[in-house]
Amino acid sequence: MALKIRLARGGSKKRPFYSVVIADARAPRDGRFVEKIGSYDPRLPKDSEFRVQIDAEKASEWLRKGAQPTERVARFLSKIELDGKPLVEWAHGNNPNKGEPGKKAQERAEEKAEKAKAAAEAAAAPAEEEAPAAEEAPAEEATSE
């Protein structure tokens, strides 16, 4: 049984409240869990001591048993120190491609750029053809007189 230390959502609509729980990785997010070890209230200010409350003793016990924290919970546990060192070593992730659009969006952008280029060429080509035609027309009138 693979155990996770994760958040289980509670609270009502538009008023989130999370419990930090130990659960089987296959269980639903808000479903069955083994033990509740803390809480997280995102509506409180970031400097509030009640925003994140986790029992460090229970968390370290479950980490020793092999429970894996999720990314968000690992961030919380990295700020909790037990015996002078953090419970979990957490480093900020590096995703250099995060801001780039997906494959389909890139293809659509390329198609749009090609259409714009074709439209610009089409607009420029008739303008060039009309200019010599306009010059020839007065010459024809002068010869017919």
N, C-alpha and C. Protein backbone atom coordinates (compact mmCIF):
# COMPACT_ATOMS: atom_id res chain seq x y z
N MET A 1 0.86 -1.18 0.00
CA MET A 1 0.00 0.00 0.00
C MET A 1 0.91 1.24 0.00
N ALA A 2 0.78 2.05 -1.05
CA ALA A 2 1.57 3.29 -1.15
C ALA A 2 0.83 4.41 -0.42
N LEU A 3 1.50 4.97 0.56
CA LEU A 3 0.87 6.02 1.35
C LEU A 3 1.34 7.39 0.90
N LYS A 4 0.42 8.34 0.94
CA LYS A 4 0.71 9.73 0.60
C LYS A 4 0.33 10.63 1.76
N ILE A 5 1.10 11.68 1.94
CA ILE A 5 0.70 12.75 2.87
C ILE A 5 0.19 13.85 1.96
N ARG A 6 -1.10 14.11 2.01
CA ARG A 6 -1.70 15.05 1.07
C ARG A 6 -2.82 15.85 1.69
N LEU A 7 -3.37 16.76 0.90
CA LEU A 7 -4.46 17.62 1.35
C LEU A 7 -5.80 17.01 0.94
N ALA A 8 -6.77 17.05 1.86
CA ALA A 8 -8.14 16.63 1.57
C ALA A 8 -9.01 17.87 1.74
N ARG A 9 -9.75 18.23 0.71
CA ARG A 9 -10.51 19.48 0.75
C ARG A 9 -11.78 19.33 1.56
N GLY A 10 -12.03 20.35 2.35
CA GLY A 10 -13.27 20.44 3.12
C GLY A 10 -13.80 21.84 2.92
N GLY A 11 -14.70 22.27 3.75
CA GLY A 11 -15.25 23.62 3.61
C GLY A 11 -16.32 23.66 2.55
N SER A 12 -16.91 24.83 2.40
CA SER A 12 -18.00 24.96 1.44
C SER A 12 -17.50 25.64 0.17
N LYS A 13 -18.41 25.85 -0.74
CA LYS A 13 -18.09 26.49 -2.01
C LYS A 13 -17.50 27.88 -1.76
N LYS A 14 -16.40 28.18 -2.41
CA LYS A 14 -15.69 29.47 -2.30
C LYS A 14 -15.07 29.71 -0.93
N ARG A 15 -15.11 28.72 -0.04
CA ARG A 15 -14.50 28.86 1.30
C ARG A 15 -13.69 27.59 1.59
N PRO A 16 -12.54 27.43 0.91
CA PRO A 16 -11.79 26.18 1.05
C PRO A 16 -11.13 26.03 2.43
N PHE A 17 -11.04 24.78 2.84
CA PHE A 17 -10.34 24.41 4.06
C PHE A 17 -9.80 23.01 3.81
N TYR A 18 -8.54 22.79 4.13
CA TYR A 18 -7.93 21.50 3.82
C TYR A 18 -7.46 20.81 5.10
N SER A 19 -7.56 19.49 5.09
CA SER A 19 -6.98 18.67 6.15
C SER A 19 -5.74 18.01 5.58
N VAL A 20 -4.67 17.96 6.36
CA VAL A 20 -3.47 17.24 5.95
C VAL A 20 -3.65 15.82 6.45
N VAL A 21 -3.72 14.86 5.52
CA VAL A 21 -4.04 13.48 5.88
C VAL A 21 -3.02 12.51 5.33
N ILE A 22 -2.99 11.34 5.94
CA ILE A 22 -2.23 10.20 5.43
C ILE A 22 -3.26 9.31 4.75
N ALA A 23 -3.08 9.06 3.45
CA ALA A 23 -4.07 8.27 2.72
C ALA A 23 -3.38 7.34 1.73
N ASP A 24 -4.11 6.31 1.34
CA ASP A 24 -3.64 5.43 0.29
C ASP A 24 -3.61 6.24 -1.01
N ALA A 25 -2.58 6.08 -1.80
CA ALA A 25 -2.42 6.87 -3.03
C ALA A 25 -3.58 6.63 -4.00
N ARG A 26 -4.23 5.47 -3.92
CA ARG A 26 -5.33 5.15 -4.85
C ARG A 26 -6.68 5.68 -4.39
N ALA A 27 -6.76 6.14 -3.14
CA ALA A 27 -8.03 6.65 -2.60
C ALA A 27 -8.36 8.01 -3.20
N PRO A 28 -9.64 8.36 -3.30
CA PRO A 28 -10.02 9.68 -3.83
C PRO A 28 -9.51 10.81 -2.93
N ARG A 29 -9.40 12.00 -3.50
CA ARG A 29 -8.83 13.15 -2.78
C ARG A 29 -9.53 13.39 -1.45
N ASP A 30 -10.85 13.41 -1.46
CA ASP A 30 -11.60 13.70 -0.24
C ASP A 30 -12.15 12.43 0.40
N GLY A 31 -11.66 11.29 -0.05
CA GLY A 31 -12.21 10.02 0.42
C GLY A 31 -11.54 9.53 1.69
N ARG A 32 -11.45 8.21 1.77
CA ARG A 32 -10.97 7.54 2.96
C ARG A 32 -9.50 7.87 3.22
N PHE A 33 -9.16 8.04 4.48
CA PHE A 33 -7.78 8.28 4.86
C PHE A 33 -7.44 7.51 6.12
N VAL A 34 -6.14 7.37 6.38
CA VAL A 34 -5.69 6.59 7.53
C VAL A 34 -5.69 7.45 8.79
N GLU A 35 -5.11 8.67 8.69
CA GLU A 35 -5.00 9.53 9.86
C GLU A 35 -4.93 10.99 9.42
N LYS A 36 -5.52 11.86 10.23
CA LYS A 36 -5.43 13.30 10.00
C LYS A 36 -4.30 13.84 10.88
N ILE A 37 -3.34 14.54 10.25
CA ILE A 37 -2.20 15.03 11.03
C ILE A 37 -2.12 16.56 11.07
N GLY A 38 -3.05 17.26 10.40
CA GLY A 38 -2.99 18.71 10.45
C GLY A 38 -4.07 19.35 9.60
N SER A 39 -3.94 20.68 9.44
CA SER A 39 -4.92 21.43 8.66
C SER A 39 -4.22 22.59 7.95
N TYR A 40 -4.90 23.10 6.90
CA TYR A 40 -4.41 24.23 6.12
C TYR A 40 -5.61 25.08 5.74
N ASP A 41 -5.55 26.37 6.12
CA ASP A 41 -6.63 27.30 5.79
C ASP A 41 -6.05 28.41 4.89
N PRO A 42 -6.24 28.31 3.58
CA PRO A 42 -5.64 29.28 2.65
C PRO A 42 -6.24 30.68 2.76
N ARG A 43 -7.35 30.83 3.44
CA ARG A 43 -7.99 32.15 3.56
C ARG A 43 -7.31 33.03 4.61
N LEU A 44 -6.53 32.44 5.49
CA LEU A 44 -5.82 33.23 6.50
C LEU A 44 -4.58 33.88 5.89
N PRO A 45 -4.12 34.99 6.48
CA PRO A 45 -2.92 35.64 5.94
C PRO A 45 -1.70 34.72 6.04
N LYS A 46 -0.73 34.94 5.13
CA LYS A 46 0.43 34.05 5.05
C LYS A 46 1.27 34.04 6.33
N ASP A 47 1.23 35.13 7.08
CA ASP A 47 2.05 35.18 8.30
C ASP A 47 1.30 34.66 9.54
N SER A 48 0.08 34.18 9.36
CA SER A 48 -0.69 33.67 10.48
C SER A 48 -0.17 32.31 10.92
N GLU A 49 -0.07 32.11 12.24
CA GLU A 49 0.40 30.82 12.76
C GLU A 49 -0.66 29.73 12.59
N PHE A 50 -1.90 30.10 12.34
CA PHE A 50 -2.99 29.12 12.20
C PHE A 50 -3.24 28.72 10.75
N ARG A 51 -2.52 29.31 9.80
CA ARG A 51 -2.71 29.00 8.38
C ARG A 51 -2.37 27.53 8.10
N VAL A 52 -1.20 27.10 8.56
CA VAL A 52 -0.78 25.70 8.41
C VAL A 52 -0.46 25.15 9.79
N GLN A 53 -1.17 24.10 10.18
CA GLN A 53 -0.92 23.44 11.46
C GLN A 53 -0.73 21.96 11.19
N ILE A 54 0.50 21.49 11.42
CA ILE A 54 0.81 20.07 11.19
C ILE A 54 1.52 19.54 12.43
N ASP A 55 1.10 18.35 12.87
CA ASP A 55 1.75 17.69 14.01
C ASP A 55 3.08 17.11 13.51
N ALA A 56 4.18 17.74 13.89
CA ALA A 56 5.51 17.37 13.39
C ALA A 56 5.89 15.95 13.79
N GLU A 57 5.51 15.53 15.00
CA GLU A 57 5.86 14.18 15.48
C GLU A 57 5.20 13.12 14.60
N LYS A 58 3.90 13.29 14.36
CA LYS A 58 3.18 12.31 13.53
C LYS A 58 3.69 12.33 12.09
N ALA A 59 3.98 13.52 11.58
CA ALA A 59 4.47 13.63 10.20
C ALA A 59 5.80 12.91 10.05
N SER A 60 6.71 13.11 10.99
CA SER A 60 8.03 12.45 10.90
C SER A 60 7.88 10.93 11.04
N GLU A 61 6.95 10.51 11.89
CA GLU A 61 6.70 9.08 12.06
C GLU A 61 6.23 8.45 10.74
N TRP A 62 5.29 9.13 10.06
CA TRP A 62 4.78 8.61 8.79
C TRP A 62 5.82 8.69 7.68
N LEU A 63 6.67 9.70 7.72
CA LEU A 63 7.75 9.79 6.73
C LEU A 63 8.73 8.63 6.92
N ARG A 64 9.00 8.26 8.17
CA ARG A 64 9.88 7.11 8.43
C ARG A 64 9.25 5.81 7.94
N LYS A 65 7.92 5.74 7.98
CA LYS A 65 7.22 4.53 7.52
C LYS A 65 7.14 4.47 5.99
N GLY A 66 7.55 5.55 5.32
CA GLY A 66 7.59 5.51 3.85
C GLY A 66 6.53 6.32 3.14
N ALA A 67 5.74 7.10 3.88
CA ALA A 67 4.72 7.93 3.23
C ALA A 67 5.39 9.04 2.44
N GLN A 68 4.91 9.29 1.23
CA GLN A 68 5.48 10.32 0.36
C GLN A 68 4.59 11.55 0.36
N PRO A 69 5.15 12.74 0.68
CA PRO A 69 4.32 13.95 0.65
C PRO A 69 4.11 14.45 -0.77
N THR A 70 2.97 15.07 -1.00
CA THR A 70 2.74 15.71 -2.29
C THR A 70 3.58 16.99 -2.34
N GLU A 71 3.63 17.63 -3.49
CA GLU A 71 4.46 18.82 -3.66
C GLU A 71 4.07 19.92 -2.68
N ARG A 72 2.79 20.19 -2.53
CA ARG A 72 2.32 21.25 -1.63
C ARG A 72 2.63 20.91 -0.18
N VAL A 73 2.38 19.68 0.22
CA VAL A 73 2.64 19.28 1.61
C VAL A 73 4.14 19.26 1.88
N ALA A 74 4.94 18.88 0.89
CA ALA A 74 6.40 18.91 1.07
C ALA A 74 6.87 20.33 1.33
N ARG A 75 6.26 21.30 0.68
CA ARG A 75 6.60 22.70 0.92
C ARG A 75 6.29 23.08 2.37
N PHE A 76 5.14 22.64 2.87
CA PHE A 76 4.78 22.93 4.27
C PHE A 76 5.75 22.25 5.23
N LEU A 77 6.07 20.98 4.97
CA LEU A 77 6.93 20.22 5.87
C LEU A 77 8.36 20.74 5.87
N SER A 78 8.79 21.36 4.77
CA SER A 78 10.15 21.89 4.72
C SER A 78 10.32 23.08 5.66
N LYS A 79 9.21 23.73 6.03
CA LYS A 79 9.27 24.88 6.94
C LYS A 79 9.18 24.46 8.40
N ILE A 80 8.82 23.20 8.65
CA ILE A 80 8.72 22.69 10.02
C ILE A 80 10.04 22.03 10.38
N GLU A 81 10.63 22.47 11.47
CA GLU A 81 11.90 21.90 11.90
C GLU A 81 11.68 21.00 13.11
N LEU A 82 12.34 19.86 13.06
CA LEU A 82 12.31 18.91 14.18
C LEU A 82 13.76 18.51 14.44
N ASP A 83 14.23 18.71 15.63
CA ASP A 83 15.63 18.44 16.00
C ASP A 83 16.60 19.30 15.19
N GLY A 84 16.20 20.52 14.89
CA GLY A 84 17.11 21.46 14.22
C GLY A 84 17.21 21.35 12.72
N LYS A 85 16.48 20.42 12.09
CA LYS A 85 16.52 20.34 10.62
C LYS A 85 15.10 20.12 10.09
N PRO A 86 14.85 20.54 8.86
CA PRO A 86 13.49 20.41 8.31
C PRO A 86 13.09 18.95 8.12
N LEU A 87 11.79 18.69 8.20
CA LEU A 87 11.30 17.31 8.03
C LEU A 87 11.57 16.80 6.62
N VAL A 88 11.43 17.69 5.64
CA VAL A 88 11.59 17.30 4.24
C VAL A 88 12.46 18.34 3.55
N GLU A 89 13.38 17.89 2.71
CA GLU A 89 14.16 18.82 1.89
C GLU A 89 13.33 19.11 0.64
N TRP A 90 12.96 20.36 0.47
CA TRP A 90 12.14 20.75 -0.68
C TRP A 90 12.84 21.87 -1.41
N ALA A 91 12.94 21.75 -2.73
CA ALA A 91 13.55 22.80 -3.55
C ALA A 91 12.52 23.23 -4.59
N HIS A 92 12.53 24.50 -4.89
CA HIS A 92 11.60 25.04 -5.88
C HIS A 92 11.87 24.38 -7.22
N GLY A 93 10.81 23.94 -7.90
CA GLY A 93 10.96 23.29 -9.19
C GLY A 93 11.39 24.27 -10.27
N ASN A 94 12.02 23.75 -11.32
CA ASN A 94 12.47 24.57 -12.43
C ASN A 94 11.84 24.02 -13.71
N ASN A 95 10.91 24.78 -14.27
CA ASN A 95 10.27 24.37 -15.52
C ASN A 95 10.42 25.51 -16.52
N PRO A 96 11.48 25.48 -17.34
CA PRO A 96 11.70 26.59 -18.27
C PRO A 96 10.64 26.68 -19.37
N ASN A 97 9.89 25.61 -19.61
CA ASN A 97 8.87 25.62 -20.66
C ASN A 97 7.49 25.97 -20.14
N LYS A 98 7.38 26.39 -18.89
CA LYS A 98 6.08 26.62 -18.27
C LYS A 98 5.26 27.66 -19.03
N GLY A 99 5.87 28.75 -19.43
CA GLY A 99 5.13 29.84 -20.05
C GLY A 99 4.87 29.66 -21.53
N GLU A 100 5.43 28.63 -22.15
CA GLU A 100 5.25 28.44 -23.58
C GLU A 100 3.92 27.76 -23.86
N PRO A 101 3.27 28.14 -24.99
CA PRO A 101 2.00 27.50 -25.33
C PRO A 101 2.21 26.04 -25.73
N GLY A 102 1.13 25.29 -25.71
CA GLY A 102 1.18 23.87 -26.06
C GLY A 102 1.40 23.65 -27.55
N LYS A 103 1.50 22.38 -27.93
CA LYS A 103 1.80 22.01 -29.32
C LYS A 103 0.72 22.50 -30.28
N LYS A 104 -0.54 22.27 -29.93
CA LYS A 104 -1.65 22.70 -30.80
C LYS A 104 -1.69 24.21 -30.95
N ALA A 105 -1.47 24.93 -29.85
CA ALA A 105 -1.50 26.40 -29.89
C ALA A 105 -0.36 26.92 -30.76
N GLN A 106 0.80 26.28 -30.72
CA GLN A 106 1.92 26.68 -31.57
C GLN A 106 1.59 26.45 -33.04
N GLU A 107 0.93 25.30 -33.34
CA GLU A 107 0.54 25.03 -34.73
C GLU A 107 -0.46 26.07 -35.23
N ARG A 108 -1.44 26.43 -34.37
CA ARG A 108 -2.43 27.45 -34.77
C ARG A 108 -1.75 28.79 -35.01
N ALA A 109 -0.77 29.13 -34.17
CA ALA A 109 -0.05 30.40 -34.32
C ALA A 109 0.73 30.41 -35.64
N GLU A 110 1.35 29.27 -36.00
CA GLU A 110 2.08 29.19 -37.27
C GLU A 110 1.13 29.35 -38.46
N GLU A 111 -0.03 28.68 -38.41
CA GLU A 111 -1.02 28.80 -39.49
C GLU A 111 -1.50 30.24 -39.62
N LYS A 112 -1.75 30.88 -38.51
CA LYS A 112 -2.21 32.27 -38.51
C LYS A 112 -1.15 33.18 -39.11
N ALA A 113 0.12 32.94 -38.76
CA ALA A 113 1.22 33.75 -39.30
C ALA A 113 1.35 33.55 -40.81
N GLU A 114 1.19 32.29 -41.27
CA GLU A 114 1.26 32.02 -42.71
C GLU A 114 0.13 32.71 -43.46
N LYS A 115 -1.09 32.67 -42.90
CA LYS A 115 -2.23 33.35 -43.53
C LYS A 115 -2.01 34.86 -43.59
N ALA A 116 -1.48 35.43 -42.50
CA ALA A 116 -1.22 36.87 -42.47
C ALA A 116 -0.15 37.24 -43.50
N LYS A 117 0.87 36.40 -43.63
CA LYS A 117 1.93 36.65 -44.61
C LYS A 117 1.37 36.57 -46.03
N ALA A 118 0.53 35.56 -46.29
CA ALA A 118 -0.07 35.41 -47.61
C ALA A 118 -0.98 36.59 -47.93
N ALA A 119 -1.73 37.05 -46.94
CA ALA A 119 -2.63 38.20 -47.13
C ALA A 119 -1.82 39.46 -47.41
N ALA A 120 -0.69 39.63 -46.72
CA ALA A 120 0.16 40.81 -46.94
C ALA A 120 0.77 40.78 -48.34
N GLU A 121 1.19 39.59 -48.78
CA GLU A 121 1.75 39.46 -50.14
C GLU A 121 0.68 39.72 -51.19
N ALA A 122 -0.53 39.22 -50.94
CA ALA A 122 -1.62 39.42 -51.89
C ALA A 122 -2.00 40.90 -51.96
N ALA A 123 -1.95 41.58 -50.85
CA ALA A 123 -2.28 43.01 -50.83
C ALA A 123 -1.19 43.82 -51.52
N ALA A 124 0.05 43.39 -51.39
CA ALA A 124 1.16 44.12 -52.01
C ALA A 124 1.24 43.87 -53.51
N ALA A 125 0.93 42.67 -53.97
CA ALA A 125 1.04 42.33 -55.39
C ALA A 125 0.06 43.13 -56.26
N PRO A 126 -1.23 43.25 -55.95
CA PRO A 126 -2.13 44.04 -56.80
C PRO A 126 -1.76 45.52 -56.80
N ALA A 127 -1.25 46.02 -55.72
CA ALA A 127 -0.88 47.44 -55.66
C ALA A 127 0.25 47.70 -56.64
N GLU A 128 1.18 46.77 -56.78
CA GLU A 128 2.28 46.93 -57.73
C GLU A 128 1.77 46.82 -59.16
N GLU A 129 0.80 45.94 -59.41
CA GLU A 129 0.27 45.76 -60.76
C GLU A 129 -0.58 46.95 -61.18
N GLU A 130 -1.30 47.57 -60.27
CA GLU A 130 -2.17 48.70 -60.60
C GLU A 130 -1.36 49.94 -60.96
N ALA A 131 -0.23 50.14 -60.38
CA ALA A 131 0.58 51.34 -60.63
C ALA A 131 1.02 51.42 -62.09
N PRO A 132 1.58 50.38 -62.71
CA PRO A 132 1.95 50.50 -64.13
C PRO A 132 0.71 50.65 -65.02
N ALA A 133 -0.38 50.02 -64.69
CA ALA A 133 -1.60 50.13 -65.50
C ALA A 133 -2.11 51.56 -65.50
N ALA A 134 -2.00 52.22 -64.38
CA ALA A 134 -2.45 53.61 -64.29
C ALA A 134 -1.57 54.52 -65.13
N GLU A 135 -0.30 54.22 -65.24
CA GLU A 135 0.60 55.04 -66.06
C GLU A 135 0.33 54.83 -67.54
N GLU A 136 -0.02 53.62 -67.93
CA GLU A 136 -0.25 53.32 -69.34
C GLU A 136 -1.55 53.94 -69.83
N ALA A 137 -2.54 54.07 -69.00
CA ALA A 137 -3.84 54.59 -69.42
C ALA A 137 -3.73 56.02 -69.96
N PRO A 138 -3.06 56.95 -69.34
CA PRO A 138 -2.95 58.30 -69.92
C PRO A 138 -2.18 58.28 -71.24
N ALA A 139 -1.22 57.41 -71.37
CA ALA A 139 -0.46 57.35 -72.63
C ALA A 139 -1.37 56.93 -73.77
N GLU A 140 -2.27 55.99 -73.55
CA GLU A 140 -3.19 55.54 -74.58
C GLU A 140 -4.14 56.68 -74.98
N GLU A 141 -4.60 57.45 -74.02
CA GLU A 141 -5.51 58.57 -74.32
C GLU A 141 -4.79 59.62 -75.16
N ALA A 142 -3.54 59.86 -74.91
CA ALA A 142 -2.79 60.87 -75.65
C ALA A 142 -2.60 60.43 -77.10
N THR A 143 -2.41 59.18 -77.35
CA THR A 143 -2.21 58.70 -78.73
C THR A 143 -3.53 58.70 -79.49
N SER A 144 -4.63 58.51 -78.83
CA SER A 144 -5.93 58.45 -79.53
C SER A 144 -6.40 59.85 -79.93
N GLU A 145 -5.90 60.87 -79.36
CA GLU A 145 -6.32 62.22 -79.71
C GLU A 145 -5.63 62.63 -80.93
